[in-house]
Amino acid sequence: MSEHTKTRPTDKLVEIRLVGPATKKKSMLEAVKAIGFRDVNDSTLWRDAFPDLKNQRLPGAYLKGIHKREELSQAKLSKQTGIPQRHLSEMENGKRPIGKKNAVILANALNADYRNLL
C-alpha cells in the first residue's frame, strides 16, 4: 500500500483577541488582513465540514482530522511518533483512549494542541 509522501508545510498559528474603540474596528481588520491574519468568525465548524465524523468520539475524530490535514498516513504518523499504527487506528475509532503522554507526542508531530486530543 502506498502512502502519502507530499507534506504540506504548516505554519504555527496564533489567535488574537483585541479590545479597542468600535470606531477603529474596520481599519484594524483591514490592517491585520494585509499582513496575513484572517477573521475566524467566517470559519466553518468542523462538525459542519465533516458531517461523517459527527457521531464519533471527539478526540478520535480530531486525531483523524489533523493527520489528514497534514497529509500523513497512519503508517507515516506511526513512524514519526513511535506509536503503533494499530493503536492510532484504535484511537481514531474510540476503541483506545489517547492519554496525555500520547496526546503530547501526537500534537507535537501534527502541529496541534494536545488538549484537543484528550
N, C-alpha and C. Protein backbone atom coordinates (compact mmCIF):
# COMPACT_ATOMS: atom_id res chain seq x y z
N MET A 1 0.84 -1.17 0.00
CA MET A 1 0.00 0.00 0.00
C MET A 1 0.89 1.24 0.00
N SER A 2 0.62 2.14 -0.91
CA SER A 2 1.42 3.36 -0.95
C SER A 2 0.90 4.35 0.09
N GLU A 3 1.79 5.22 0.50
CA GLU A 3 1.39 6.23 1.47
C GLU A 3 1.73 7.60 0.92
N HIS A 4 1.12 8.60 1.51
CA HIS A 4 1.36 9.97 1.06
C HIS A 4 2.81 10.34 1.30
N THR A 5 3.42 10.96 0.32
CA THR A 5 4.79 11.41 0.50
C THR A 5 4.86 12.93 0.51
N LYS A 6 3.83 13.58 -0.01
CA LYS A 6 3.82 15.03 -0.03
C LYS A 6 3.47 15.55 1.36
N THR A 7 4.29 16.41 1.88
CA THR A 7 3.97 17.03 3.16
C THR A 7 3.75 18.51 2.94
N ARG A 8 2.68 18.99 3.49
CA ARG A 8 2.35 20.39 3.34
C ARG A 8 2.95 21.15 4.51
N PRO A 9 3.70 22.24 4.24
CA PRO A 9 4.25 22.99 5.36
C PRO A 9 3.12 23.65 6.15
N THR A 10 3.23 23.57 7.44
CA THR A 10 2.21 24.15 8.31
C THR A 10 2.85 25.18 9.20
N ASP A 11 2.37 26.39 9.09
CA ASP A 11 2.85 27.44 9.98
C ASP A 11 2.12 27.33 11.30
N LYS A 12 2.78 27.67 12.35
CA LYS A 12 2.10 27.72 13.64
C LYS A 12 1.23 28.96 13.63
N LEU A 13 0.01 28.78 14.06
CA LEU A 13 -0.96 29.87 14.06
C LEU A 13 -1.14 30.41 15.46
N VAL A 14 -1.55 31.64 15.53
CA VAL A 14 -1.84 32.28 16.80
C VAL A 14 -3.20 32.95 16.68
N GLU A 15 -3.97 32.87 17.75
CA GLU A 15 -5.27 33.53 17.77
C GLU A 15 -5.14 34.75 18.67
N ILE A 16 -5.64 35.88 18.19
CA ILE A 16 -5.52 37.13 18.93
C ILE A 16 -6.90 37.71 19.18
N ARG A 17 -7.14 38.11 20.41
CA ARG A 17 -8.38 38.82 20.76
C ARG A 17 -7.98 40.23 21.15
N LEU A 18 -8.69 41.20 20.61
CA LEU A 18 -8.35 42.59 20.88
C LEU A 18 -9.54 43.34 21.45
N VAL A 19 -9.25 44.34 22.22
CA VAL A 19 -10.27 45.23 22.74
C VAL A 19 -9.85 46.64 22.37
N GLY A 20 -10.80 47.40 21.85
CA GLY A 20 -10.48 48.78 21.46
C GLY A 20 -11.74 49.51 21.05
N PRO A 21 -11.55 50.72 20.57
CA PRO A 21 -12.71 51.52 20.18
C PRO A 21 -13.41 50.93 18.96
N ALA A 22 -14.75 50.90 19.02
CA ALA A 22 -15.55 50.35 17.94
C ALA A 22 -15.35 51.11 16.64
N THR A 23 -15.04 52.38 16.73
CA THR A 23 -14.87 53.20 15.52
C THR A 23 -13.63 52.80 14.73
N LYS A 24 -12.69 52.11 15.36
CA LYS A 24 -11.45 51.70 14.69
C LYS A 24 -11.46 50.25 14.23
N LYS A 25 -12.58 49.54 14.44
CA LYS A 25 -12.64 48.11 14.12
C LYS A 25 -12.34 47.84 12.65
N LYS A 26 -12.99 48.56 11.76
CA LYS A 26 -12.81 48.30 10.32
C LYS A 26 -11.37 48.52 9.89
N SER A 27 -10.75 49.60 10.33
CA SER A 27 -9.36 49.87 9.93
C SER A 27 -8.40 48.85 10.55
N MET A 28 -8.70 48.40 11.78
CA MET A 28 -7.85 47.38 12.40
C MET A 28 -7.94 46.07 11.63
N LEU A 29 -9.17 45.65 11.25
CA LEU A 29 -9.33 44.41 10.49
C LEU A 29 -8.61 44.47 9.15
N GLU A 30 -8.71 45.60 8.47
CA GLU A 30 -8.01 45.77 7.19
C GLU A 30 -6.50 45.68 7.37
N ALA A 31 -6.00 46.27 8.43
CA ALA A 31 -4.55 46.27 8.68
C ALA A 31 -4.04 44.86 8.97
N VAL A 32 -4.72 44.11 9.81
CA VAL A 32 -4.23 42.78 10.13
C VAL A 32 -4.44 41.80 8.99
N LYS A 33 -5.49 41.99 8.18
CA LYS A 33 -5.66 41.13 7.00
C LYS A 33 -4.53 41.36 6.00
N ALA A 34 -4.04 42.59 5.92
CA ALA A 34 -2.96 42.93 4.99
C ALA A 34 -1.67 42.19 5.34
N ILE A 35 -1.48 41.81 6.60
CA ILE A 35 -0.26 41.09 6.98
C ILE A 35 -0.50 39.60 7.18
N GLY A 36 -1.67 39.09 6.74
CA GLY A 36 -1.87 37.65 6.72
C GLY A 36 -2.84 37.08 7.73
N PHE A 37 -3.42 37.90 8.59
CA PHE A 37 -4.40 37.39 9.53
C PHE A 37 -5.76 37.27 8.84
N ARG A 38 -6.63 36.44 9.42
CA ARG A 38 -7.98 36.31 8.87
C ARG A 38 -8.98 36.26 10.01
N ASP A 39 -10.19 36.66 9.70
CA ASP A 39 -11.26 36.68 10.69
C ASP A 39 -11.84 35.29 10.80
N VAL A 40 -11.72 34.66 11.97
CA VAL A 40 -12.21 33.29 12.14
C VAL A 40 -13.72 33.24 12.35
N ASN A 41 -14.36 34.37 12.48
CA ASN A 41 -15.82 34.37 12.60
C ASN A 41 -16.47 33.85 11.32
N ASP A 42 -15.73 33.91 10.21
CA ASP A 42 -16.25 33.40 8.95
C ASP A 42 -15.92 31.93 8.73
N SER A 43 -15.27 31.29 9.70
CA SER A 43 -14.85 29.90 9.57
C SER A 43 -16.03 28.95 9.69
N THR A 44 -15.85 27.76 9.13
CA THR A 44 -16.85 26.71 9.22
C THR A 44 -16.49 25.79 10.38
N LEU A 45 -17.46 25.43 11.18
CA LEU A 45 -17.22 24.49 12.27
C LEU A 45 -16.84 23.13 11.70
N TRP A 46 -15.96 22.41 12.39
CA TRP A 46 -15.53 21.11 11.88
C TRP A 46 -16.70 20.15 11.77
N ARG A 47 -17.69 20.28 12.66
CA ARG A 47 -18.85 19.38 12.61
C ARG A 47 -19.65 19.58 11.33
N ASP A 48 -19.63 20.81 10.80
CA ASP A 48 -20.33 21.09 9.54
C ASP A 48 -19.48 20.68 8.34
N ALA A 49 -18.17 20.81 8.46
CA ALA A 49 -17.28 20.46 7.35
C ALA A 49 -17.11 18.95 7.18
N PHE A 50 -17.21 18.20 8.29
CA PHE A 50 -17.05 16.75 8.26
C PHE A 50 -18.24 16.07 8.92
N PRO A 51 -19.40 16.07 8.26
CA PRO A 51 -20.60 15.51 8.89
C PRO A 51 -20.48 14.02 9.20
N ASP A 52 -19.63 13.29 8.47
CA ASP A 52 -19.48 11.86 8.72
C ASP A 52 -18.74 11.58 10.03
N LEU A 53 -18.10 12.59 10.61
CA LEU A 53 -17.38 12.41 11.86
C LEU A 53 -18.19 12.85 13.08
N LYS A 54 -19.39 13.38 12.87
CA LYS A 54 -20.18 13.94 13.97
C LYS A 54 -20.44 12.94 15.08
N ASN A 55 -20.68 11.70 14.75
CA ASN A 55 -21.07 10.71 15.74
C ASN A 55 -19.89 9.98 16.38
N GLN A 56 -18.70 10.29 15.94
CA GLN A 56 -17.53 9.65 16.52
C GLN A 56 -17.13 10.36 17.81
N ARG A 57 -16.35 9.65 18.60
CA ARG A 57 -15.83 10.29 19.81
C ARG A 57 -14.93 11.45 19.38
N LEU A 58 -15.04 12.56 20.05
CA LEU A 58 -14.36 13.78 19.62
C LEU A 58 -12.84 13.68 19.55
N PRO A 59 -12.12 13.15 20.54
CA PRO A 59 -10.66 13.09 20.40
C PRO A 59 -10.22 12.26 19.19
N GLY A 60 -10.88 11.14 18.95
CA GLY A 60 -10.52 10.31 17.80
C GLY A 60 -10.83 11.01 16.49
N ALA A 61 -11.94 11.69 16.41
CA ALA A 61 -12.30 12.43 15.20
C ALA A 61 -11.30 13.56 14.97
N TYR A 62 -10.89 14.22 16.04
CA TYR A 62 -9.91 15.29 15.93
C TYR A 62 -8.57 14.74 15.43
N LEU A 63 -8.15 13.61 16.00
CA LEU A 63 -6.90 12.99 15.57
C LEU A 63 -6.95 12.65 14.09
N LYS A 64 -8.03 12.06 13.66
CA LYS A 64 -8.18 11.70 12.25
C LYS A 64 -8.13 12.94 11.36
N GLY A 65 -8.81 13.98 11.80
CA GLY A 65 -8.84 15.22 11.02
C GLY A 65 -7.49 15.88 10.90
N ILE A 66 -6.74 15.94 12.01
CA ILE A 66 -5.46 16.65 11.94
C ILE A 66 -4.39 15.86 11.20
N HIS A 67 -4.45 14.54 11.26
CA HIS A 67 -3.42 13.82 10.48
C HIS A 67 -3.77 13.84 9.00
N LYS A 68 -5.03 13.94 8.66
CA LYS A 68 -5.40 14.12 7.25
C LYS A 68 -5.04 15.53 6.78
N ARG A 69 -5.22 16.52 7.67
CA ARG A 69 -4.85 17.90 7.34
C ARG A 69 -3.37 17.99 6.99
N GLU A 70 -2.56 17.27 7.72
CA GLU A 70 -1.12 17.27 7.50
C GLU A 70 -0.71 16.32 6.37
N GLU A 71 -1.70 15.67 5.77
CA GLU A 71 -1.49 14.72 4.67
C GLU A 71 -0.52 13.61 5.06
N LEU A 72 -0.74 13.08 6.27
CA LEU A 72 0.07 11.96 6.76
C LEU A 72 -0.79 10.72 6.86
N SER A 73 -0.27 9.61 6.41
CA SER A 73 -0.97 8.34 6.60
C SER A 73 -0.75 7.89 8.04
N GLN A 74 -1.54 6.94 8.48
CA GLN A 74 -1.33 6.38 9.82
C GLN A 74 0.06 5.76 9.92
N ALA A 75 0.49 5.12 8.85
CA ALA A 75 1.80 4.47 8.86
C ALA A 75 2.92 5.49 9.06
N LYS A 76 2.84 6.60 8.34
CA LYS A 76 3.88 7.61 8.47
C LYS A 76 3.83 8.28 9.84
N LEU A 77 2.62 8.55 10.34
CA LEU A 77 2.47 9.13 11.67
C LEU A 77 3.02 8.17 12.73
N SER A 78 2.80 6.88 12.52
CA SER A 78 3.32 5.87 13.44
C SER A 78 4.84 5.91 13.48
N LYS A 79 5.46 6.02 12.30
CA LYS A 79 6.92 6.09 12.24
C LYS A 79 7.46 7.34 12.92
N GLN A 80 6.76 8.46 12.75
CA GLN A 80 7.22 9.73 13.34
C GLN A 80 7.09 9.74 14.85
N THR A 81 6.05 9.09 15.37
CA THR A 81 5.76 9.18 16.80
C THR A 81 6.20 7.96 17.60
N GLY A 82 6.38 6.82 16.94
CA GLY A 82 6.71 5.59 17.65
C GLY A 82 5.48 4.91 18.23
N ILE A 83 4.30 5.42 17.93
CA ILE A 83 3.05 4.82 18.39
C ILE A 83 2.61 3.82 17.32
N PRO A 84 2.37 2.55 17.68
CA PRO A 84 1.99 1.56 16.67
C PRO A 84 0.76 2.00 15.87
N GLN A 85 0.78 1.66 14.58
CA GLN A 85 -0.31 2.06 13.69
C GLN A 85 -1.65 1.52 14.18
N ARG A 86 -1.68 0.31 14.67
CA ARG A 86 -2.95 -0.26 15.14
C ARG A 86 -3.50 0.54 16.32
N HIS A 87 -2.59 1.09 17.14
CA HIS A 87 -3.04 1.93 18.26
C HIS A 87 -3.64 3.23 17.74
N LEU A 88 -3.02 3.81 16.71
CA LEU A 88 -3.57 5.03 16.11
C LEU A 88 -4.97 4.78 15.57
N SER A 89 -5.15 3.65 14.89
CA SER A 89 -6.46 3.30 14.36
C SER A 89 -7.48 3.14 15.48
N GLU A 90 -7.09 2.46 16.54
CA GLU A 90 -8.00 2.26 17.67
C GLU A 90 -8.33 3.59 18.35
N MET A 91 -7.36 4.51 18.42
CA MET A 91 -7.62 5.83 19.00
C MET A 91 -8.62 6.61 18.15
N GLU A 92 -8.44 6.57 16.83
CA GLU A 92 -9.34 7.29 15.93
C GLU A 92 -10.77 6.75 16.01
N ASN A 93 -10.90 5.47 16.24
CA ASN A 93 -12.22 4.85 16.28
C ASN A 93 -12.82 4.77 17.68
N GLY A 94 -12.17 5.41 18.66
CA GLY A 94 -12.70 5.45 20.01
C GLY A 94 -12.60 4.14 20.77
N LYS A 95 -11.76 3.23 20.30
CA LYS A 95 -11.60 1.94 20.97
C LYS A 95 -10.44 1.94 21.96
N ARG A 96 -9.63 3.00 21.93
CA ARG A 96 -8.48 3.11 22.82
C ARG A 96 -8.37 4.57 23.22
N PRO A 97 -8.21 4.84 24.52
CA PRO A 97 -8.01 6.24 24.93
C PRO A 97 -6.65 6.74 24.46
N ILE A 98 -6.57 8.01 24.18
CA ILE A 98 -5.30 8.56 23.69
C ILE A 98 -4.33 8.79 24.84
N GLY A 99 -4.81 9.31 25.94
CA GLY A 99 -3.94 9.56 27.09
C GLY A 99 -3.07 10.78 26.90
N LYS A 100 -2.67 11.38 28.02
CA LYS A 100 -1.92 12.64 27.95
C LYS A 100 -0.56 12.48 27.29
N LYS A 101 0.17 11.41 27.62
CA LYS A 101 1.50 11.20 27.05
C LYS A 101 1.43 11.11 25.52
N ASN A 102 0.53 10.27 25.00
CA ASN A 102 0.39 10.14 23.56
C ASN A 102 -0.18 11.40 22.93
N ALA A 103 -1.06 12.10 23.65
CA ALA A 103 -1.64 13.34 23.12
C ALA A 103 -0.54 14.37 22.88
N VAL A 104 0.40 14.47 23.80
CA VAL A 104 1.50 15.42 23.65
C VAL A 104 2.39 15.02 22.48
N ILE A 105 2.70 13.74 22.37
CA ILE A 105 3.55 13.24 21.26
C ILE A 105 2.87 13.51 19.92
N LEU A 106 1.57 13.17 19.82
CA LEU A 106 0.84 13.36 18.57
C LEU A 106 0.70 14.84 18.22
N ALA A 107 0.39 15.65 19.22
CA ALA A 107 0.22 17.09 18.98
C ALA A 107 1.50 17.72 18.46
N ASN A 108 2.64 17.33 19.02
CA ASN A 108 3.92 17.86 18.54
C ASN A 108 4.19 17.46 17.10
N ALA A 109 3.84 16.23 16.75
CA ALA A 109 4.07 15.75 15.38
C ALA A 109 3.11 16.39 14.38
N LEU A 110 1.93 16.81 14.86
CA LEU A 110 0.88 17.30 13.96
C LEU A 110 0.62 18.80 14.09
N ASN A 111 1.47 19.52 14.80
CA ASN A 111 1.30 20.96 14.97
C ASN A 111 -0.09 21.30 15.49
N ALA A 112 -0.45 20.68 16.59
CA ALA A 112 -1.79 20.86 17.17
C ALA A 112 -1.69 21.06 18.67
N ASP A 113 -2.82 21.34 19.29
CA ASP A 113 -2.88 21.50 20.74
C ASP A 113 -3.25 20.15 21.35
N TYR A 114 -2.42 19.64 22.23
CA TYR A 114 -2.64 18.30 22.79
C TYR A 114 -3.96 18.20 23.56
N ARG A 115 -4.44 19.31 24.10
CA ARG A 115 -5.67 19.28 24.91
C ARG A 115 -6.88 18.86 24.09
N ASN A 116 -6.84 19.10 22.78
CA ASN A 116 -7.96 18.68 21.92
C ASN A 116 -7.98 17.17 21.72
N LEU A 117 -6.93 16.49 22.09
CA LEU A 117 -6.85 15.04 21.93
C LEU A 117 -7.24 14.29 23.19
N LEU A 118 -7.59 15.01 24.24
CA LEU A 118 -7.96 14.36 25.50
C LEU A 118 -9.46 14.27 25.66
